[in-house]
C-alpha atoms as a PDB file:
ATOM      1  CA  MET A   1       0.130  -0.011   0.303  1.00  0.00           C
ATOM      2  CA  SER A   2       1.455   3.118  -0.978  1.00  0.00           C
ATOM      3  CA  GLN A   3      -0.777   5.477   1.130  1.00  0.00           C
ATOM      4  CA  GLN A   4       0.951   6.366   4.510  1.00  0.00           C
ATOM      5  CA  ARG A   5      -0.611   6.947   8.171  1.00  0.00           C
ATOM      6  CA  ASN A   6       0.867   9.108  10.443  1.00  0.00           C
ATOM      7  CA  ASN A   7      -0.626   9.588  13.942  1.00  0.00           C
ATOM      8  CA  GLY A   8      -3.938   9.153  12.093  1.00  0.00           C
ATOM      9  CA  LYS A   9      -3.411  11.618   9.105  1.00  0.00           C
ATOM     10  CA  TRP A  10      -3.283  10.173   5.543  1.00  0.00           C
ATOM     11  CA  THR A  11       0.088  12.129   4.401  1.00  0.00           C
ATOM     12  CA  GLY A  12       0.897  10.449   0.892  1.00  0.00           C
ATOM     13  CA  ALA A  13      -1.238  10.007  -2.103  1.00  0.00           C
ATOM     14  CA  PRO A  14      -0.748   6.535  -4.202  1.00  0.00           C
ATOM     15  CA  ALA A  15       2.127   6.784  -6.669  1.00  0.00           C
ATOM     16  CA  LYS A  16      -0.073   7.234  -9.522  1.00  0.00           C
ATOM     17  CA  TYR A  17      -1.509  10.544  -8.198  1.00  0.00           C
ATOM     18  CA  ARG A  18       1.338  12.305  -6.786  1.00  0.00           C
ATOM     19  CA  SER A  19       1.644  15.570  -8.027  1.00  0.00           C
ATOM     20  CA  ASP A  20       4.693  17.713  -8.897  1.00  0.00           C
ATOM     21  CA  GLU A  21       3.332  20.017  -5.831  1.00  0.00           C
ATOM     22  CA  GLY A  22       3.646  17.122  -3.674  1.00  0.00           C
ATOM     23  CA  ALA A  23       0.313  14.668  -1.796  1.00  0.00           C
ATOM     24  CA  GLU A  24      -0.336  17.874   0.634  1.00  0.00           C
ATOM     25  CA  ASN A  25      -1.366  19.940  -2.339  1.00  0.00           C
ATOM     26  CA  PHE A  26      -3.214  17.305  -3.844  1.00  0.00           C
ATOM     27  CA  VAL A  27      -5.348  16.548  -1.204  1.00  0.00           C
ATOM     28  CA  GLY A  28      -6.496  20.044   0.008  1.00  0.00           C
ATOM     29  CA  GLN A  29      -8.088  20.205  -3.457  1.00  0.00           C
ATOM     30  CA  VAL A  30     -11.410  19.456  -2.665  1.00  0.00           C
ATOM     31  CA  ASP A  31     -13.679  21.827  -1.294  1.00  0.00           C
ATOM     32  CA  PRO A  32     -15.425  21.161   1.897  1.00  0.00           C
ATOM     33  CA  ASP A  33     -18.725  22.462   1.088  1.00  0.00           C
ATOM     34  CA  ALA A  34     -19.086  21.052  -2.064  1.00  0.00           C
ATOM     35  CA  TYR A  35     -18.215  17.535  -0.865  1.00  0.00           C
ATOM     36  CA  ARG A  36     -20.849  18.327   1.291  1.00  0.00           C
ATOM     37  CA  GLN A  37     -23.414  19.316  -1.311  1.00  0.00           C
ATOM     38  CA  VAL A  38     -22.497  16.293  -3.286  1.00  0.00           C
ATOM     39  CA  MET A  39     -22.921  13.848  -0.431  1.00  0.00           C
ATOM     40  CA  GLY A  40     -26.400  15.286   0.170  1.00  0.00           C
ATOM     41  CA  ARG A  41     -27.452  13.740  -2.836  1.00  0.00           C
ATOM     42  CA  PHE A  42     -26.732  10.384  -1.646  1.00  0.00           C
ATOM     43  CA  ALA A  43     -30.340   9.734   0.277  1.00  0.00           C
ATOM     44  CA  THR A  44     -29.632   7.609   2.862  1.00  0.00           C
ATOM     45  CA  GLY A  45     -32.151   5.815   5.545  1.00  0.00           C
ATOM     46  CA  VAL A  46     -32.484   7.833   8.733  1.00  0.00           C
ATOM     47  CA  SER A  47     -32.244   6.263  12.068  1.00  0.00           C
ATOM     48  CA  ILE A  48     -32.418   6.854  15.957  1.00  0.00           C
ATOM     49  CA  ILE A  49     -29.192   5.271  17.629  1.00  0.00           C
ATOM     50  CA  SER A  50     -29.342   5.113  21.947  1.00  0.00           C
ATOM     51  CA  THR A  51     -27.086   4.133  24.317  1.00  0.00           C
ATOM     52  CA  ARG A  52     -27.690   4.741  28.218  1.00  0.00           C
ATOM     53  CA  ILE A  53     -25.064   5.902  31.216  1.00  0.00           C
ATOM     54  CA  GLY A  54     -26.831   5.363  34.416  1.00  0.00           C
ATOM     55  CA  ASP A  55     -29.943   5.728  34.430  1.00  0.00           C
ATOM     56  CA  ILE A  56     -29.502   8.712  31.532  1.00  0.00           C
ATOM     57  CA  ASP A  57     -30.323   7.864  28.205  1.00  0.00           C
ATOM     58  CA  HIS A  58     -28.522   9.457  25.147  1.00  0.00           C
ATOM     59  CA  ALA A  59     -29.899   9.522  21.623  1.00  0.00           C
ATOM     60  CA  MET A  60     -29.391  10.845  17.896  1.00  0.00           C
ATOM     61  CA  THR A  61     -30.820  10.825  14.477  1.00  0.00           C
ATOM     62  CA  ALA A  62     -28.133   9.382  12.524  1.00  0.00           C
ATOM     63  CA  ASN A  63     -28.041   8.360   8.772  1.00  0.00           C
ATOM     64  CA  ALA A  64     -24.274   7.137   9.177  1.00  0.00           C
ATOM     65  CA  LEU A  65     -24.623   3.689   9.281  1.00  0.00           C
ATOM     66  CA  MET A  66     -24.375   0.292   7.660  1.00  0.00           C
ATOM     67  CA  SER A  67     -24.006  -3.155   7.578  1.00  0.00           C
ATOM     68  CA  VAL A  68     -20.120  -4.566   7.879  1.00  0.00           C
ATOM     69  CA  SER A  69     -20.120  -7.736   8.035  1.00  0.00           C
ATOM     70  CA  LEU A  70     -22.403 -11.329   8.329  1.00  0.00           C
ATOM     71  CA  GLU A  71     -19.582 -13.295   9.796  1.00  0.00           C
ATOM     72  CA  PRO A  72     -19.195 -11.867  12.940  1.00  0.00           C
ATOM     73  CA  LEU A  73     -22.567  -9.602  12.616  1.00  0.00           C
ATOM     74  CA  LEU A  74     -21.099  -6.295  12.360  1.00  0.00           C
ATOM     75  CA  MET A  75     -22.443  -2.760  11.486  1.00  0.00           C
ATOM     76  CA  VAL A  76     -20.556   0.621  11.851  1.00  0.00           C
ATOM     77  CA  ILE A  77     -21.978   4.171  12.959  1.00  0.00           C
ATOM     78  CA  SER A  78     -19.874   7.596  12.390  1.00  0.00           C
ATOM     79  CA  VAL A  79     -20.361   9.857  15.700  1.00  0.00           C
ATOM     80  CA  GLU A  80     -19.189  13.256  15.653  1.00  0.00           C
ATOM     81  CA  LYS A  81     -16.047  13.536  18.033  1.00  0.00           C
ATOM     82  CA  GLU A  82     -17.690  16.938  19.643  1.00  0.00           C
ATOM     83  CA  ALA A  83     -21.186  15.759  20.101  1.00  0.00           C
ATOM     84  CA  ARG A  84     -22.314  14.923  23.465  1.00  0.00           C
ATOM     85  CA  PHE A  85     -23.294  11.472  22.181  1.00  0.00           C
ATOM     86  CA  HIS A  86     -19.760  10.532  21.021  1.00  0.00           C
ATOM     87  CA  ASP A  87     -18.530  10.339  24.683  1.00  0.00           C
ATOM     88  CA  ALA A  88     -21.785   8.285  25.861  1.00  0.00           C
ATOM     89  CA  VAL A  89     -21.534   5.563  23.499  1.00  0.00           C
ATOM     90  CA  ILE A  90     -18.181   4.935  23.974  1.00  0.00           C
ATOM     91  CA  ASP A  91     -18.234   4.894  27.599  1.00  0.00           C
ATOM     92  CA  ALA A  92     -21.509   2.328  27.287  1.00  0.00           C
ATOM     93  CA  GLU A  93     -19.771   0.054  24.789  1.00  0.00           C
ATOM     94  CA  ALA A  94     -23.509  -1.003  24.232  1.00  0.00           C
ATOM     95  CA  TRP A  95     -26.129   0.496  21.987  1.00  0.00           C
ATOM     96  CA  GLY A  96     -29.850   0.691  19.837  1.00  0.00           C
ATOM     97  CA  VAL A  97     -30.462   1.135  16.385  1.00  0.00           C
ATOM     98  CA  SER A  98     -34.124   2.354  15.412  1.00  0.00           C
ATOM     99  CA  LEU A  99     -34.290   2.202  11.577  1.00  0.00           C
ATOM    100  CA  LEU A 100     -37.389   5.046  11.216  1.00  0.00           C
ATOM    101  CA  PRO A 101     -40.352   5.291   9.089  1.00  0.00           C
ATOM    102  CA  GLU A 102     -41.795   8.026   7.912  1.00  0.00           C
ATOM    103  CA  SER A 103     -44.501   8.986  10.824  1.00  0.00           C
ATOM    104  CA  GLU A 104     -40.936   9.616  13.233  1.00  0.00           C
ATOM    105  CA  ARG A 105     -40.326  12.571  11.014  1.00  0.00           C
ATOM    106  CA  LYS A 106     -40.832  14.672  14.247  1.00  0.00           C
ATOM    107  CA  THR A 107     -39.051  12.571  16.780  1.00  0.00           C
ATOM    108  CA  ALA A 108     -35.829  12.309  14.145  1.00  0.00           C
ATOM    109  CA  ALA A 109     -35.848  16.425  14.000  1.00  0.00           C
ATOM    110  CA  TRP A 110     -36.205  16.198  17.987  1.00  0.00           C
ATOM    111  CA  LEU A 111     -33.308  13.900  18.186  1.00  0.00           C
ATOM    112  CA  ALA A 112     -31.125  15.719  15.993  1.00  0.00           C
ATOM    113  CA  THR A 113     -31.310  19.574  17.366  1.00  0.00           C
ATOM    114  CA  ARG A 114     -28.248  20.400  19.048  1.00  0.00           C
ATOM    115  CA  GLY A 115     -28.533  21.494  22.744  1.00  0.00           C
ATOM    116  CA  ARG A 116     -31.776  19.844  23.448  1.00  0.00           C
ATOM    117  CA  PRO A 117     -32.085  19.335  27.283  1.00  0.00           C
ATOM    118  CA  LEU A 118     -29.951  16.171  27.930  1.00  0.00           C
ATOM    119  CA  HIS A 119     -32.396  14.796  30.887  1.00  0.00           C
ATOM    120  CA  GLY A 120     -35.573  13.478  29.331  1.00  0.00           C
ATOM    121  CA  GLN A 121     -34.713  13.678  25.970  1.00  0.00           C
ATOM    122  CA  LEU A 122     -36.852  10.859  25.103  1.00  0.00           C
ATOM    123  CA  ASP A 123     -39.875  11.587  27.220  1.00  0.00           C
ATOM    124  CA  ARG A 124     -41.788  12.822  24.137  1.00  0.00           C
ATOM    125  CA  VAL A 125     -41.052   9.159  22.182  1.00  0.00           C
ATOM    126  CA  GLN A 126     -42.562   5.676  22.780  1.00  0.00           C
ATOM    127  CA  PHE A 127     -39.319   2.959  23.526  1.00  0.00           C
ATOM    128  CA  HIS A 128     -39.133   0.062  25.097  1.00  0.00           C
ATOM    129  CA  ARG A 129     -36.142  -1.334  26.491  1.00  0.00           C
ATOM    130  CA  GLY A 130     -34.270  -3.889  24.082  1.00  0.00           C
ATOM    131  CA  GLU A 131     -33.793  -7.508  25.732  1.00  0.00           C
ATOM    132  CA  ARG A 132     -30.007  -7.887  25.209  1.00  0.00           C
ATOM    133  CA  THR A 133     -28.537  -4.274  26.528  1.00  0.00           C
ATOM    134  CA  GLY A 134     -31.813  -2.526  28.185  1.00  0.00           C
ATOM    135  CA  MET A 135     -30.947   0.057  25.210  1.00  0.00           C
ATOM    136  CA  ALA A 136     -34.095   2.425  23.885  1.00  0.00           C
ATOM    137  CA  LEU A 137     -35.561   0.999  20.807  1.00  0.00           C
ATOM    138  CA  LEU A 138     -38.738   3.099  19.531  1.00  0.00           C
ATOM    139  CA  ASP A 139     -41.720   0.992  19.319  1.00  0.00           C
ATOM    140  CA  ASN A 140     -42.300   2.317  15.837  1.00  0.00           C
ATOM    141  CA  ALA A 141     -39.507   1.722  14.384  1.00  0.00           C
ATOM    142  CA  LEU A 142     -39.308  -0.374  11.222  1.00  0.00           C
ATOM    143  CA  GLY A 143     -36.395  -2.757  12.624  1.00  0.00           C
ATOM    144  CA  THR A 144     -34.175  -2.555  15.402  1.00  0.00           C
ATOM    145  CA  LEU A 145     -30.786  -3.787  16.535  1.00  0.00           C
ATOM    146  CA  GLU A 146     -29.031  -3.530  19.751  1.00  0.00           C
ATOM    147  CA  CYS A 147     -24.910  -4.023  19.601  1.00  0.00           C
ATOM    148  CA  LEU A 148     -21.892  -4.427  22.128  1.00  0.00           C
ATOM    149  CA  THR A 149     -18.879  -2.256  20.306  1.00  0.00           C
ATOM    150  CA  TYR A 150     -16.623  -4.284  19.204  1.00  0.00           C
ATOM    151  CA  ASP A 151     -14.110  -2.127  18.015  1.00  0.00           C
ATOM    152  CA  THR A 152     -13.469   2.064  17.245  1.00  0.00           C
ATOM    153  CA  VAL A 153     -11.759   3.548  14.598  1.00  0.00           C
ATOM    154  CA  PRO A 154     -10.798   7.732  14.759  1.00  0.00           C
ATOM    155  CA  ALA A 155     -11.314   9.092  11.393  1.00  0.00           C
ATOM    156  CA  GLY A 156     -11.537  12.757  11.209  1.00  0.00           C
ATOM    157  CA  ASP A 157     -13.465  14.673  13.256  1.00  0.00           C
ATOM    158  CA  HIS A 158     -15.699  11.409  13.765  1.00  0.00           C
ATOM    159  CA  THR A 159     -14.980   8.316  15.458  1.00  0.00           C
ATOM    160  CA  LEU A 160     -16.513   4.736  13.408  1.00  0.00           C
ATOM    161  CA  VAL A 161     -17.894   2.809  16.139  1.00  0.00           C
ATOM    162  CA  ILE A 162     -18.316  -1.116  15.056  1.00  0.00           C
ATOM    163  CA  GLY A 163     -20.435  -2.758  17.306  1.00  0.00           C
ATOM    164  CA  HIS A 164     -21.480  -6.949  16.967  1.00  0.00           C
ATOM    165  CA  VAL A 165     -25.236  -6.920  16.533  1.00  0.00           C
ATOM    166  CA  VAL A 166     -26.563  -9.297  19.138  1.00  0.00           C
ATOM    167  CA  SER A 167     -30.230  -8.857  18.387  1.00  0.00           C
ATOM    168  CA  VAL A 168     -32.337  -7.788  15.479  1.00  0.00           C
ATOM    169  CA  SER A 169     -36.525  -7.006  15.082  1.00  0.00           C
ATOM    170  CA  ILE A 170     -38.261  -6.576  12.164  1.00  0.00           C
ATOM    171  CA  ALA A 171     -41.683  -4.825  12.296  1.00  0.00           C
ATOM    172  CA  ASP A 172     -44.779  -6.821  11.980  1.00  0.00           C
ATOM    173  CA  ARG A 173     -46.352  -3.686   9.598  1.00  0.00           C
ATOM    174  CA  PRO A 174     -43.945  -2.037   8.215  1.00  0.00           C
ATOM    175  CA  GLY A 175     -44.421   1.823   7.206  1.00  0.00           C
ATOM    176  CA  ASP A 176     -43.018   3.901   4.328  1.00  0.00           C
ATOM    177  CA  ALA A 177     -38.946   4.481   5.196  1.00  0.00           C
ATOM    178  CA  LEU A 178     -38.271   7.802   6.423  1.00  0.00           C
ATOM    179  CA  ILE A 179     -35.100   9.150   4.329  1.00  0.00           C
ATOM    180  CA  TYR A 180     -32.197  11.916   4.283  1.00  0.00           C
ATOM    181  CA  TYR A 181     -31.757  13.738   1.085  1.00  0.00           C
ATOM    182  CA  ARG A 182     -29.776  17.083   0.171  1.00  0.00           C
ATOM    183  CA  GLY A 183     -30.319  18.058   3.875  1.00  0.00           C
ATOM    184  CA  ALA A 184     -34.019  16.977   3.822  1.00  0.00           C
ATOM    185  CA  PHE A 185     -36.292  14.606   5.359  1.00  0.00           C
ATOM    186  CA  GLY A 186     -38.542  12.795   3.283  1.00  0.00           C
ATOM    187  CA  VAL A 187     -39.879   8.914   2.321  1.00  0.00           C
ATOM    188  CA  GLN A 188     -39.043   6.378  -0.149  1.00  0.00           C
ATOM    189  CA  ARG A 189     -42.127   4.209  -0.795  1.00  0.00           C
END
């Protein structure tokens, strides 16, 4: 592999992509705002990630999750390091995922609100406790998963939290999926 990592930072481009100006100039050529706009055109599902420290539930709206492996069953979420949810999910080492139907749009917006009160943030949400981890799982979810943290990987201003899936549940009557596209919630029928 011709890429070099130094303390988590990428320090060299693959040989065939190196410019005469050096890797630093090559890497910095993408405008972050343009990158956000391009990624905003990638429609994703919307989920609520939950964890618990003591008797305090923590939750966040997320669209950055994916299946990683079937053997063992692994999935990954991406959590911003500056978010208060970050330290909670790292410390708890267990978390829940609720895949949202369109009917949970208000819940998604509420749990995406920065600065919302920490205590009681799930008071307006209908949920039950997962059987394996005790994490909050939304009653109206299209599906839920419970995970135990398998590994974490620092990735720029986020941490990738890889979870070993220990429980799944599928709704008997799934509704239309809530999606996120171009900076707004929508529906996938």
